[in-house]
Amino acid sequence: MFEAFFTDPCMRYRTEVINGIDFYGLGFSMVRGECVAEGTLRWMQKGEAAAVLITNTSLPDMSGFELARHVRRQFPCLRVIFLTDTPNLAEAQQAVRCGAYDYLPKSDGIDALRSAMIRVSEELHTESREEAYLRGQQNWDECISRLLKLLLALKPGIDEDHWQMYSKVKPLLSDAPLRMEALLVRSLMEELRAEICRRDEALAAQLRSNMMAAPLGMLTSAQGTAAYMDAIWALLSEKGYITQEDALKSDPIGRACVYMQSHLSEKLTVQELAEYVHISPRHFIRKFQAEMNEKFTDYLAHIRVQAAIQMLEAGRDVKSIPEAVGYRDEKSFYSVFRRFAGCSMREYQQKLNLSQRKEKQP
């Protein structure tokens, strides 16, 4: 359900609107009516939220446009419907500049406002369904990825086949009901159970009795499925079937870090690495920062500087290093090196030479 603020100085008009439009039927649990802008702002101060603001352009204490700006600071996605007692072109243009959802002369009657609210309601419900789907989609994506990690940890040879399969199927799933993703999860869990059974029948029986026999209805919960997989991973680790090295290989960020270290001379981008580990660029950025406690760009610059230092210590010529660590612009890399190393490459090389001479002295 949604909420709305309704500000108009005419109490009679507000009453007619509240009684004449079925706000509850349109999905609004609360419409807070006020005669002045200050009253609406007080509701905001109390923590009340709103998806829609219906306001007269002319209020006793401030203009409706000023009120809309105040409310939008807290609710950027707010839909604003401006009502006017005396419509005119200049005011209509100001409403457009203020990002009005609609600009309605009160002389058009309540039907015009009702039609606008019906459109708003349809849009809000559509957005709500899309947000719910995307939240569910992200949860199922995570479940499927974690299942593939488990399979990879047990059967490294299946890595590319399964990830490529998921890459092809994923676009189809984006247009399908979430139940289809639950079915894919169930299929992957069956394959996981078969592999565990091949290795350890007793463990497979334990998992089957505790978790793996869950009915499809229970697997419609992404959170429940994720809990199952955490328990499975713990059991497999306890039995020694999964090692820390396996975990690194099956972890997207771990795989990305290994890839970066071995491809430092190339132009590495978020898009490229996200595709390599089969997750979206946006999810990759969030996951990378959460797990590494460092932004992707900072981490990449850091490991490139570390590689440059190793090359300097090995006696490599300064001018050849930037390109060797992925920088085509020498000046840009020199700036990055100074930021992370605290000195220029020449200065670092001089310190290194001085240190080596001191070591050679008797």
Protein backbone atom coordinates (compact mmCIF):
# COMPACT_ATOMS: atom_id res chain seq x y z
CA MET A 1 0.00 0.00 0.00
CA PHE A 2 1.09 3.58 -0.67
CA GLU A 3 0.59 6.92 1.05
CA ALA A 4 -0.08 10.42 -0.26
CA PHE A 5 0.07 14.02 0.95
CA PHE A 6 -2.85 16.24 -0.09
CA THR A 7 -2.48 19.98 0.52
CA ASP A 8 -5.17 22.46 -0.44
CA PRO A 9 -6.46 25.49 1.50
CA CYS A 10 -10.11 24.70 0.71
CA MET A 11 -11.42 22.21 3.28
CA ARG A 12 -14.63 21.67 1.32
CA TYR A 13 -12.67 20.68 -1.79
CA ARG A 14 -10.40 18.35 0.18
CA THR A 15 -13.45 16.64 1.68
CA GLU A 16 -15.05 16.22 -1.75
CA VAL A 17 -11.86 14.67 -3.12
CA ILE A 18 -11.38 12.28 -0.18
CA ASN A 19 -15.03 11.17 -0.39
CA GLY A 20 -15.18 11.14 -4.19
CA ILE A 21 -12.07 9.09 -5.03
CA ASP A 22 -11.59 5.52 -3.83
CA PHE A 23 -8.00 6.00 -2.71
CA TYR A 24 -7.96 2.71 -0.79
CA GLY A 25 -9.11 0.84 -3.88
CA LEU A 26 -6.24 2.43 -5.79
CA GLY A 27 -3.76 1.11 -3.23
CA PHE A 28 -3.41 4.10 -0.89
CA SER A 29 -3.70 3.19 2.77
CA MET A 30 -3.42 6.82 3.88
CA VAL A 31 -4.03 10.24 2.32
CA ARG A 32 -2.91 12.97 4.72
CA GLY A 33 -4.90 16.15 4.04
CA GLU A 34 -3.65 19.58 5.12
CA CYS A 35 -4.66 23.17 4.41
CA VAL A 36 -1.13 24.60 4.64
CA ALA A 37 2.33 23.44 3.54
CA GLU A 38 3.64 23.52 7.11
CA GLY A 39 1.18 20.78 8.08
CA THR A 40 2.50 18.51 5.33
CA LEU A 41 6.10 19.22 6.32
CA ARG A 42 5.27 18.28 9.93
CA TRP A 43 4.12 14.85 8.75
CA MET A 44 7.50 14.43 7.05
CA GLN A 45 9.32 15.42 10.25
CA LYS A 46 7.41 12.65 12.04
CA GLY A 47 8.85 10.16 9.56
CA GLU A 48 5.79 9.77 7.35
CA ALA A 49 6.56 8.86 3.73
CA ALA A 50 4.60 9.52 0.58
CA ALA A 51 4.66 8.33 -3.01
CA VAL A 52 2.39 11.14 -4.24
CA LEU A 53 1.93 14.81 -3.40
CA ILE A 54 -1.30 16.50 -4.48
CA THR A 55 -0.96 20.23 -3.86
CA ASN A 56 -2.52 23.50 -4.83
CA THR A 57 -0.07 25.79 -6.57
CA SER A 58 -1.09 28.58 -4.19
CA LEU A 59 -0.99 27.91 -0.43
CA PRO A 60 -1.26 30.37 2.48
CA ASP A 61 2.31 29.88 3.71
CA MET A 62 4.26 29.03 0.54
CA SER A 63 3.71 28.09 -3.08
CA GLY A 64 2.91 24.52 -4.04
CA PHE A 65 6.10 24.50 -6.11
CA GLU A 66 8.19 25.34 -3.06
CA LEU A 67 6.43 22.62 -1.06
CA ALA A 68 7.13 20.11 -3.82
CA ARG A 69 10.83 20.98 -3.71
CA HIS A 70 10.92 20.48 0.07
CA VAL A 71 9.19 17.09 -0.11
CA ARG A 72 11.28 15.93 -3.07
CA ARG A 73 14.49 16.43 -1.11
CA GLN A 74 13.40 13.53 1.08
CA PHE A 75 11.49 11.55 -1.56
CA PRO A 76 13.23 12.01 -4.94
CA CYS A 77 10.82 9.67 -6.77
CA LEU A 78 7.76 11.60 -5.61
CA ARG A 79 4.94 12.13 -8.12
CA VAL A 80 3.52 15.64 -7.84
CA ILE A 81 0.07 16.60 -9.09
CA PHE A 82 -0.46 20.36 -9.06
CA LEU A 83 -3.98 21.76 -8.70
CA THR A 84 -4.77 25.33 -9.64
CA ASP A 85 -7.70 27.65 -9.07
CA THR A 86 -6.63 30.03 -11.85
CA PRO A 87 -4.80 28.15 -14.63
CA ASN A 88 -2.40 30.13 -16.79
CA LEU A 89 0.46 29.41 -19.17
CA ALA A 90 3.24 30.78 -16.94
CA GLU A 91 2.14 28.61 -14.03
CA ALA A 92 1.82 25.55 -16.27
CA GLN A 93 5.38 26.10 -17.50
CA GLN A 94 6.60 26.39 -13.91
CA ALA A 95 4.84 23.10 -13.11
CA VAL A 96 6.69 21.43 -15.98
CA ARG A 97 10.02 22.82 -14.74
CA CYS A 98 9.17 21.44 -11.30
CA GLY A 99 8.74 17.94 -12.76
CA ALA A 100 4.97 17.80 -12.43
CA TYR A 101 3.24 14.49 -12.98
CA ASP A 102 0.15 16.49 -13.93
CA TYR A 103 -1.18 20.05 -13.80
CA LEU A 104 -4.96 20.17 -13.29
CA PRO A 105 -7.36 23.11 -13.15
CA LYS A 106 -9.81 22.48 -10.29
CA SER A 107 -12.54 23.60 -12.67
CA ASP A 108 -12.04 20.29 -14.56
CA GLY A 109 -13.70 18.56 -11.63
CA ILE A 110 -12.77 15.58 -9.48
CA ASP A 111 -12.89 13.19 -12.45
CA ALA A 112 -9.67 14.69 -13.85
CA LEU A 113 -7.87 14.13 -10.55
CA ARG A 114 -9.32 10.62 -10.30
CA SER A 115 -7.95 9.76 -13.77
CA ALA A 116 -4.51 11.07 -12.80
CA MET A 117 -4.54 9.03 -9.57
CA ILE A 118 -5.52 5.88 -11.50
CA ARG A 119 -2.49 6.36 -13.76
CA VAL A 120 -0.25 6.98 -10.74
CA SER A 121 -1.61 3.87 -9.02
CA GLU A 122 -0.95 1.68 -12.05
CA GLU A 123 2.63 2.96 -12.31
CA LEU A 124 3.33 2.51 -8.60
CA HIS A 125 1.96 -1.04 -8.60
CA THR A 126 4.02 -1.90 -11.68
CA GLU A 127 7.18 -0.52 -10.06
CA SER A 128 6.41 -2.39 -6.85
CA ARG A 129 6.03 -5.69 -8.72
CA GLU A 130 9.25 -5.05 -10.65
CA GLU A 131 11.19 -4.26 -7.47
CA ALA A 132 9.86 -7.40 -5.79
CA TYR A 133 10.81 -9.45 -8.83
CA LEU A 134 14.29 -7.96 -9.00
CA ARG A 135 14.85 -8.68 -5.30
CA GLY A 136 13.75 -12.27 -5.87
CA GLN A 137 15.78 -12.47 -9.07
CA GLN A 138 18.92 -11.35 -7.27
CA ASN A 139 18.33 -13.90 -4.49
CA TRP A 140 17.84 -16.75 -6.98
CA ASP A 141 20.85 -15.62 -9.02
CA GLU A 142 22.90 -15.86 -5.84
CA CYS A 143 21.51 -19.34 -5.07
CA ILE A 144 22.27 -20.63 -8.56
CA SER A 145 25.77 -19.18 -8.47
CA ARG A 146 26.43 -20.77 -5.07
CA LEU A 147 25.22 -24.14 -6.31
CA LEU A 148 27.54 -23.89 -9.28
CA LYS A 149 30.37 -23.06 -6.88
CA LEU A 150 29.65 -26.20 -4.88
CA LEU A 151 29.63 -28.31 -8.03
CA LEU A 152 32.85 -26.68 -9.20
CA ALA A 153 34.52 -27.38 -5.85
CA LEU A 154 33.63 -31.07 -6.20
CA LYS A 155 34.07 -31.38 -9.98
CA PRO A 156 36.48 -28.72 -11.32
CA GLY A 157 36.13 -30.11 -14.83
CA ILE A 158 32.51 -29.00 -15.13
CA ASP A 159 33.33 -25.34 -14.59
CA GLU A 160 33.13 -23.93 -18.10
CA ASP A 161 30.27 -26.18 -19.27
CA HIS A 162 28.01 -25.22 -16.38
CA TRP A 163 28.86 -21.53 -16.35
CA GLN A 164 28.32 -21.32 -20.12
CA MET A 165 25.03 -23.15 -19.74
CA TYR A 166 23.89 -20.71 -17.07
CA SER A 167 25.03 -17.73 -19.15
CA LYS A 168 22.79 -18.94 -22.00
CA VAL A 169 19.83 -19.80 -19.80
CA LYS A 170 19.93 -16.67 -17.61
CA PRO A 171 18.52 -14.25 -20.25
CA LEU A 172 15.58 -16.62 -20.74
CA LEU A 173 14.99 -16.77 -17.00
CA SER A 174 14.78 -12.99 -16.78
CA ASP A 175 11.47 -13.15 -18.65
CA ALA A 176 10.18 -16.27 -16.90
CA PRO A 177 8.40 -16.72 -13.56
CA LEU A 178 10.64 -17.15 -10.52
CA ARG A 179 9.36 -20.74 -10.28
CA MET A 180 11.50 -21.53 -13.35
CA GLU A 181 14.57 -20.48 -11.42
CA ALA A 182 13.47 -22.67 -8.52
CA LEU A 183 13.31 -25.58 -10.97
CA LEU A 184 16.85 -24.85 -12.14
CA VAL A 185 17.99 -24.77 -8.51
CA ARG A 186 16.30 -28.14 -7.93
CA SER A 187 18.02 -29.60 -11.00
CA LEU A 188 21.44 -28.40 -9.85
CA MET A 189 20.81 -29.76 -6.36
CA GLU A 190 19.99 -33.15 -7.86
CA GLU A 191 23.29 -33.10 -9.73
CA LEU A 192 25.10 -32.09 -6.55
CA ARG A 193 23.46 -34.93 -4.65
CA ALA A 194 24.51 -37.41 -7.35
CA GLU A 195 28.13 -36.26 -7.14
CA ILE A 196 28.15 -36.45 -3.34
CA CYS A 197 26.59 -39.92 -3.50
CA ARG A 198 29.35 -41.04 -5.88
CA ARG A 199 31.97 -39.93 -3.35
CA ASP A 200 30.33 -40.76 -0.03
CA GLU A 201 27.03 -42.65 0.11
CA ALA A 202 26.69 -42.20 3.87
CA LEU A 203 27.08 -38.44 3.60
CA ALA A 204 24.64 -38.36 0.68
CA ALA A 205 22.10 -40.23 2.79
CA GLN A 206 22.56 -37.74 5.63
CA LEU A 207 22.06 -34.80 3.30
CA ARG A 208 19.08 -36.48 1.68
CA SER A 209 17.34 -36.99 4.99
CA ASN A 210 18.16 -33.54 6.36
CA MET A 211 18.02 -31.22 3.38
CA MET A 212 18.12 -32.58 -0.12
CA ALA A 213 14.67 -34.13 -0.05
CA ALA A 214 13.01 -30.74 0.38
CA PRO A 215 9.84 -30.47 -1.75
CA LEU A 216 9.81 -28.01 -4.61
CA GLY A 217 7.43 -25.78 -2.68
CA MET A 218 10.09 -25.18 -0.03
CA LEU A 219 12.62 -24.27 -2.70
CA THR A 220 10.53 -21.29 -3.76
CA SER A 221 12.27 -19.53 -0.87
CA ALA A 222 15.68 -18.32 -2.01
CA GLN A 223 16.67 -17.68 1.61
CA GLY A 224 15.77 -21.25 2.57
CA THR A 225 17.76 -22.65 -0.33
CA ALA A 226 20.76 -20.50 0.59
CA ALA A 227 20.61 -21.87 4.15
CA TYR A 228 20.61 -25.43 2.75
CA MET A 229 23.71 -24.69 0.72
CA ASP A 230 25.57 -23.17 3.66
CA ALA A 231 24.92 -26.36 5.63
CA ILE A 232 26.00 -28.54 2.69
CA TRP A 233 29.21 -26.54 2.26
CA ALA A 234 29.98 -26.89 5.98
CA LEU A 235 29.48 -30.67 5.87
CA LEU A 236 31.63 -31.07 2.75
CA SER A 237 34.38 -28.95 4.32
CA GLU A 238 34.19 -30.95 7.54
CA LYS A 239 34.60 -34.19 5.58
CA GLY A 240 37.54 -32.75 3.62
CA TYR A 241 35.84 -32.79 0.23
CA ILE A 242 36.20 -29.01 -0.15
CA THR A 243 39.43 -27.16 0.63
CA GLN A 244 40.26 -23.46 0.92
CA GLU A 245 41.80 -23.67 -2.55
CA ASP A 246 38.51 -25.06 -3.89
CA ALA A 247 36.65 -22.23 -2.20
CA LEU A 248 38.91 -19.67 -3.85
CA LYS A 249 38.41 -21.23 -7.28
CA SER A 250 34.65 -21.28 -6.84
CA ASP A 251 34.43 -17.75 -5.46
CA PRO A 252 33.80 -15.13 -8.16
CA ILE A 253 35.93 -12.45 -6.51
CA GLY A 254 38.73 -14.91 -5.78
CA ARG A 255 38.73 -16.01 -9.42
CA ALA A 256 38.71 -12.38 -10.54
CA CYS A 257 41.73 -11.56 -8.36
CA VAL A 258 43.68 -14.52 -9.73
CA TYR A 259 42.77 -13.45 -13.28
CA MET A 260 43.90 -9.87 -12.65
CA GLN A 261 47.26 -10.96 -11.26
CA SER A 262 47.98 -13.01 -14.39
CA HIS A 263 46.72 -10.38 -16.89
CA LEU A 264 48.18 -7.15 -15.46
CA SER A 265 49.58 -6.03 -18.81
CA GLU A 266 46.07 -5.98 -20.31
CA LYS A 267 43.35 -3.35 -20.06
CA LEU A 268 41.21 -4.81 -17.27
CA THR A 269 37.66 -3.51 -16.88
CA VAL A 270 34.77 -4.27 -14.56
CA GLN A 271 32.72 -5.42 -17.56
CA GLU A 272 35.41 -7.90 -18.66
CA LEU A 273 35.94 -9.37 -15.18
CA ALA A 274 32.21 -9.57 -14.45
CA GLU A 275 31.73 -11.55 -17.66
CA TYR A 276 34.67 -13.79 -16.73
CA VAL A 277 33.12 -14.75 -13.38
CA HIS A 278 29.55 -14.74 -14.78
CA ILE A 279 27.90 -12.07 -12.66
CA SER A 280 26.54 -8.64 -13.56
CA PRO A 281 28.97 -5.66 -13.50
CA ARG A 282 26.85 -3.90 -10.88
CA HIS A 283 26.79 -6.97 -8.62
CA PHE A 284 30.54 -7.48 -9.21
CA ILE A 285 31.36 -3.95 -8.01
CA ARG A 286 29.27 -4.30 -4.84
CA LYS A 287 30.55 -7.81 -4.08
CA PHE A 288 34.18 -6.84 -4.74
CA GLN A 289 34.11 -3.90 -2.36
CA ALA A 290 32.26 -5.89 0.32
CA GLU A 291 34.74 -8.80 0.22
CA MET A 292 37.98 -6.92 -0.44
CA ASN A 293 37.24 -3.78 1.64
CA GLU A 294 38.59 -1.79 -1.28
CA LYS A 295 37.20 -0.33 -4.47
CA PHE A 296 37.93 -2.31 -7.63
CA THR A 297 39.85 0.59 -9.21
CA ASP A 298 41.99 1.09 -6.10
CA TYR A 299 42.74 -2.62 -5.81
CA LEU A 300 43.74 -2.86 -9.47
CA ALA A 301 45.99 0.19 -9.19
CA HIS A 302 47.51 -1.21 -5.99
CA ILE A 303 48.46 -4.60 -7.46
CA ARG A 304 49.86 -2.90 -10.56
CA VAL A 305 52.09 -0.73 -8.37
CA GLN A 306 53.17 -3.84 -6.42
CA ALA A 307 54.07 -5.54 -9.69
CA ALA A 308 56.01 -2.45 -10.77
CA ILE A 309 57.99 -2.50 -7.51
CA GLN A 310 58.89 -6.14 -8.09
CA MET A 311 60.09 -5.25 -11.59
CA LEU A 312 62.20 -2.39 -10.22
CA GLU A 313 63.74 -4.74 -7.67
CA ALA A 314 64.50 -7.17 -10.50
CA GLY A 315 66.43 -4.41 -12.31
CA ARG A 316 63.92 -3.63 -15.05
CA ASP A 317 64.15 -0.29 -16.88
CA VAL A 318 61.74 2.32 -15.52
CA LYS A 319 60.35 3.33 -18.93
CA SER A 320 59.28 -0.20 -19.84
CA ILE A 321 57.33 -0.81 -16.63
CA PRO A 322 54.10 1.21 -17.15
CA GLU A 323 53.12 -0.72 -20.28
CA ALA A 324 54.10 -4.01 -18.63
CA VAL A 325 51.54 -3.39 -15.87
CA GLY A 326 48.72 -2.25 -18.15
CA TYR A 327 49.26 1.51 -18.52
CA ARG A 328 49.64 3.05 -21.97
CA ASP A 329 50.00 6.54 -20.50
CA GLU A 330 53.31 6.74 -18.61
CA LYS A 331 52.47 10.00 -16.80
CA SER A 332 49.22 8.51 -15.51
CA PHE A 333 51.05 5.51 -14.04
CA TYR A 334 53.77 7.69 -12.51
CA SER A 335 51.04 9.58 -10.65
CA VAL A 336 49.42 6.33 -9.46
CA PHE A 337 52.80 4.95 -8.37
CA ARG A 338 53.55 8.05 -6.30
CA ARG A 339 50.11 7.87 -4.64
CA PHE A 340 50.59 4.26 -3.50
CA ALA A 341 54.37 4.07 -2.99
CA GLY A 342 54.85 7.56 -1.54
CA CYS A 343 57.61 8.46 -4.00
CA SER A 344 58.34 8.49 -7.72
CA MET A 345 59.66 5.43 -9.56
CA ARG A 346 63.04 7.13 -10.00
CA GLU A 347 63.22 7.93 -6.29
CA TYR A 348 62.28 4.36 -5.43
CA GLN A 349 64.95 3.07 -7.79
CA GLN A 350 67.55 5.38 -6.20
CA LYS A 351 66.62 4.18 -2.70
CA LEU A 352 66.86 0.61 -3.93
CA ASN A 353 70.32 1.18 -5.45
CA LEU A 354 71.52 2.90 -2.27
CA SER A 355 70.25 0.01 -0.16
CA GLN A 356 71.97 -2.53 -2.41
CA ARG A 357 75.28 -0.62 -2.22
CA LYS A 358 75.12 -0.54 1.57
CA GLU A 359 74.54 -4.29 1.66
CA LYS A 360 77.65 -4.85 -0.47
CA GLN A 361 79.86 -2.77 1.82
CA PRO A 362 82.01 -4.84 4.22
